[in-house]
Amino acid sequence: MPQMTFLKDRFDLTPAEARLVARLIAGESLRPCANALGIKYQTVRTCLKSVFQKTKTHRQAELVLVVIRALEEAKLLSPPAVTAASPNPPAGSSAHTFITT
């Protein structure tokens, strides 16, 4: 998956950190991430702290913004589609779409 490789290379993330970041930018919170990744909540928090250091961020919202911008610049994430009829995505949906090849 090109996005995972990009995340690992761009931010020097481990594979586990890249998987966590991918889930966070998709809108998941930490507990569902831990469940989906099959690890404990405290492990996810520790992983997130490492990601914050590597990305020079301090909050999840800031992390998501930095990663989404980097993915958009690398043309690995399409910008959110906004139409006159629907300016906001439905609740629970991701506004961005990964580009897969």
C-alpha atoms as a PDB file:
ATOM      1  CA  MET A   1       0.000   0.000   0.000  1.00  0.00           C
ATOM      2  CA  PRO A   2       1.673   3.243  -1.114  1.00  0.00           C
ATOM      3  CA  GLN A   3       0.247   5.302   1.768  1.00  0.00           C
ATOM      4  CA  MET A   4       1.808   3.052   4.414  1.00  0.00           C
ATOM      5  CA  THR A   5       5.185   3.150   2.691  1.00  0.00           C
ATOM      6  CA  PHE A   6       4.927   6.930   2.403  1.00  0.00           C
ATOM      7  CA  LEU A   7       4.052   7.303   6.102  1.00  0.00           C
ATOM      8  CA  LYS A   8       6.962   5.093   7.130  1.00  0.00           C
ATOM      9  CA  ASP A   9       9.424   6.897   4.848  1.00  0.00           C
ATOM     10  CA  ARG A  10       8.206  10.480   5.316  1.00  0.00           C
ATOM     11  CA  PHE A  11       7.900  10.396   9.094  1.00  0.00           C
ATOM     12  CA  ASP A  12      10.257   7.489   9.912  1.00  0.00           C
ATOM     13  CA  LEU A  13       7.391   5.507  11.430  1.00  0.00           C
ATOM     14  CA  THR A  14       7.453   1.837  12.296  1.00  0.00           C
ATOM     15  CA  PRO A  15       4.882  -0.355  10.520  1.00  0.00           C
ATOM     16  CA  ALA A  16       2.763  -0.406  13.706  1.00  0.00           C
ATOM     17  CA  GLU A  17       2.925   3.382  13.995  1.00  0.00           C
ATOM     18  CA  ALA A  18       1.929   3.767  10.334  1.00  0.00           C
ATOM     19  CA  ARG A  19      -1.079   1.469  10.842  1.00  0.00           C
ATOM     20  CA  LEU A  20      -2.166   3.554  13.837  1.00  0.00           C
ATOM     21  CA  VAL A  21      -1.788   6.831  11.938  1.00  0.00           C
ATOM     22  CA  ALA A  22      -3.797   5.455   9.002  1.00  0.00           C
ATOM     23  CA  ARG A  23      -6.660   4.629  11.368  1.00  0.00           C
ATOM     24  CA  LEU A  24      -6.466   8.005  13.083  1.00  0.00           C
ATOM     25  CA  ILE A  25      -6.688   9.938   9.814  1.00  0.00           C
ATOM     26  CA  ALA A  26      -9.688   7.791   8.905  1.00  0.00           C
ATOM     27  CA  GLY A  27     -11.399   9.201  11.990  1.00  0.00           C
ATOM     28  CA  GLU A  28     -11.023   6.395  14.534  1.00  0.00           C
ATOM     29  CA  SER A  29     -10.352   7.181  18.171  1.00  0.00           C
ATOM     30  CA  LEU A  30      -7.712   5.400  20.237  1.00  0.00           C
ATOM     31  CA  ARG A  31      -9.834   2.646  21.820  1.00  0.00           C
ATOM     32  CA  PRO A  32     -11.271   1.405  18.494  1.00  0.00           C
ATOM     33  CA  CYS A  33      -7.738   1.590  17.051  1.00  0.00           C
ATOM     34  CA  ALA A  34      -6.453  -0.603  19.866  1.00  0.00           C
ATOM     35  CA  ASN A  35      -9.241  -3.124  19.321  1.00  0.00           C
ATOM     36  CA  ALA A  36      -8.766  -3.203  15.548  1.00  0.00           C
ATOM     37  CA  LEU A  37      -4.993  -3.552  15.841  1.00  0.00           C
ATOM     38  CA  GLY A  38      -5.287  -6.219  18.524  1.00  0.00           C
ATOM     39  CA  ILE A  39      -3.243  -4.330  21.100  1.00  0.00           C
ATOM     40  CA  LYS A  40      -3.922  -2.780  24.489  1.00  0.00           C
ATOM     41  CA  TYR A  41      -5.120   0.795  24.854  1.00  0.00           C
ATOM     42  CA  GLN A  42      -1.993   1.744  26.807  1.00  0.00           C
ATOM     43  CA  THR A  43       0.175   0.351  23.991  1.00  0.00           C
ATOM     44  CA  VAL A  44      -1.664   2.543  21.492  1.00  0.00           C
ATOM     45  CA  ARG A  45      -1.070   5.572  23.718  1.00  0.00           C
ATOM     46  CA  THR A  46       2.645   4.774  23.930  1.00  0.00           C
ATOM     47  CA  CYS A  47       2.780   4.343  20.157  1.00  0.00           C
ATOM     48  CA  LEU A  48       0.978   7.664  19.682  1.00  0.00           C
ATOM     49  CA  LYS A  49       3.511   9.452  21.893  1.00  0.00           C
ATOM     50  CA  SER A  50       6.292   8.128  19.661  1.00  0.00           C
ATOM     51  CA  VAL A  51       4.392   9.290  16.566  1.00  0.00           C
ATOM     52  CA  PHE A  52       4.013  12.762  18.098  1.00  0.00           C
ATOM     53  CA  GLN A  53       7.789  12.990  18.546  1.00  0.00           C
ATOM     54  CA  LYS A  54       8.527  11.785  15.018  1.00  0.00           C
ATOM     55  CA  THR A  55       6.001  14.147  13.419  1.00  0.00           C
ATOM     56  CA  LYS A  56       6.821  17.065  15.733  1.00  0.00           C
ATOM     57  CA  THR A  57       3.178  17.305  16.786  1.00  0.00           C
ATOM     58  CA  HIS A  58       1.548  17.428  20.220  1.00  0.00           C
ATOM     59  CA  ARG A  59      -2.138  16.622  19.701  1.00  0.00           C
ATOM     60  CA  GLN A  60      -4.099  14.117  17.628  1.00  0.00           C
ATOM     61  CA  ALA A  61      -5.839  16.856  15.640  1.00  0.00           C
ATOM     62  CA  GLU A  62      -2.487  18.419  14.801  1.00  0.00           C
ATOM     63  CA  LEU A  63      -1.081  15.003  13.821  1.00  0.00           C
ATOM     64  CA  VAL A  64      -4.016  14.286  11.524  1.00  0.00           C
ATOM     65  CA  LEU A  65      -3.675  17.684   9.852  1.00  0.00           C
ATOM     66  CA  VAL A  66       0.084  17.265   9.286  1.00  0.00           C
ATOM     67  CA  VAL A  67      -0.331  13.764   7.855  1.00  0.00           C
ATOM     68  CA  ILE A  68      -3.269  14.654   5.612  1.00  0.00           C
ATOM     69  CA  ARG A  69      -1.374  17.646   4.204  1.00  0.00           C
ATOM     70  CA  ALA A  70       1.681  15.476   3.529  1.00  0.00           C
ATOM     71  CA  LEU A  71      -0.449  12.819   1.815  1.00  0.00           C
ATOM     72  CA  GLU A  72      -2.204  15.450  -0.311  1.00  0.00           C
ATOM     73  CA  GLU A  73       1.140  16.985  -1.335  1.00  0.00           C
ATOM     74  CA  ALA A  74       2.360  13.527  -2.335  1.00  0.00           C
ATOM     75  CA  LYS A  75      -0.904  13.019  -4.261  1.00  0.00           C
ATOM     76  CA  LEU A  76      -1.734   9.943  -2.177  1.00  0.00           C
ATOM     77  CA  LEU A  77      -4.940  11.396  -0.783  1.00  0.00           C
ATOM     78  CA  SER A  78      -7.646  13.120  -2.731  1.00  0.00           C
ATOM     79  CA  PRO A  79      -8.871  16.419  -1.281  1.00  0.00           C
ATOM     80  CA  PRO A  80     -12.359  16.345   0.223  1.00  0.00           C
ATOM     81  CA  ALA A  81     -15.135  16.726  -2.304  1.00  0.00           C
ATOM     82  CA  VAL A  82     -17.498  19.584  -1.512  1.00  0.00           C
ATOM     83  CA  THR A  83     -20.677  20.106  -3.472  1.00  0.00           C
ATOM     84  CA  ALA A  84     -23.292  22.829  -3.224  1.00  0.00           C
ATOM     85  CA  ALA A  85     -25.884  20.301  -2.089  1.00  0.00           C
ATOM     86  CA  SER A  86     -23.619  18.636   0.480  1.00  0.00           C
ATOM     87  CA  PRO A  87     -20.890  20.892   1.912  1.00  0.00           C
ATOM     88  CA  ASN A  88     -20.148  18.511   4.800  1.00  0.00           C
ATOM     89  CA  PRO A  89     -19.571  14.757   4.683  1.00  0.00           C
ATOM     90  CA  PRO A  90     -22.076  12.559   6.518  1.00  0.00           C
ATOM     91  CA  ALA A  91     -21.358  11.988  10.210  1.00  0.00           C
ATOM     92  CA  GLY A  92     -18.935   9.162  10.747  1.00  0.00           C
ATOM     93  CA  SER A  93     -17.555   9.230   7.220  1.00  0.00           C
ATOM     94  CA  SER A  94     -14.081  10.279   6.197  1.00  0.00           C
ATOM     95  CA  ALA A  95     -13.870  13.446   4.134  1.00  0.00           C
ATOM     96  CA  HIS A  96     -10.720  12.234   2.400  1.00  0.00           C
ATOM     97  CA  THR A  97     -10.223   9.219   0.196  1.00  0.00           C
ATOM     98  CA  PHE A  98      -7.014   7.220  -0.077  1.00  0.00           C
ATOM     99  CA  ILE A  99      -5.810   6.877  -3.638  1.00  0.00           C
ATOM    100  CA  THR A 100      -4.908   3.282  -4.327  1.00  0.00           C
ATOM    101  CA  THR A 101      -2.974   1.990  -7.271  1.00  0.00           C
END
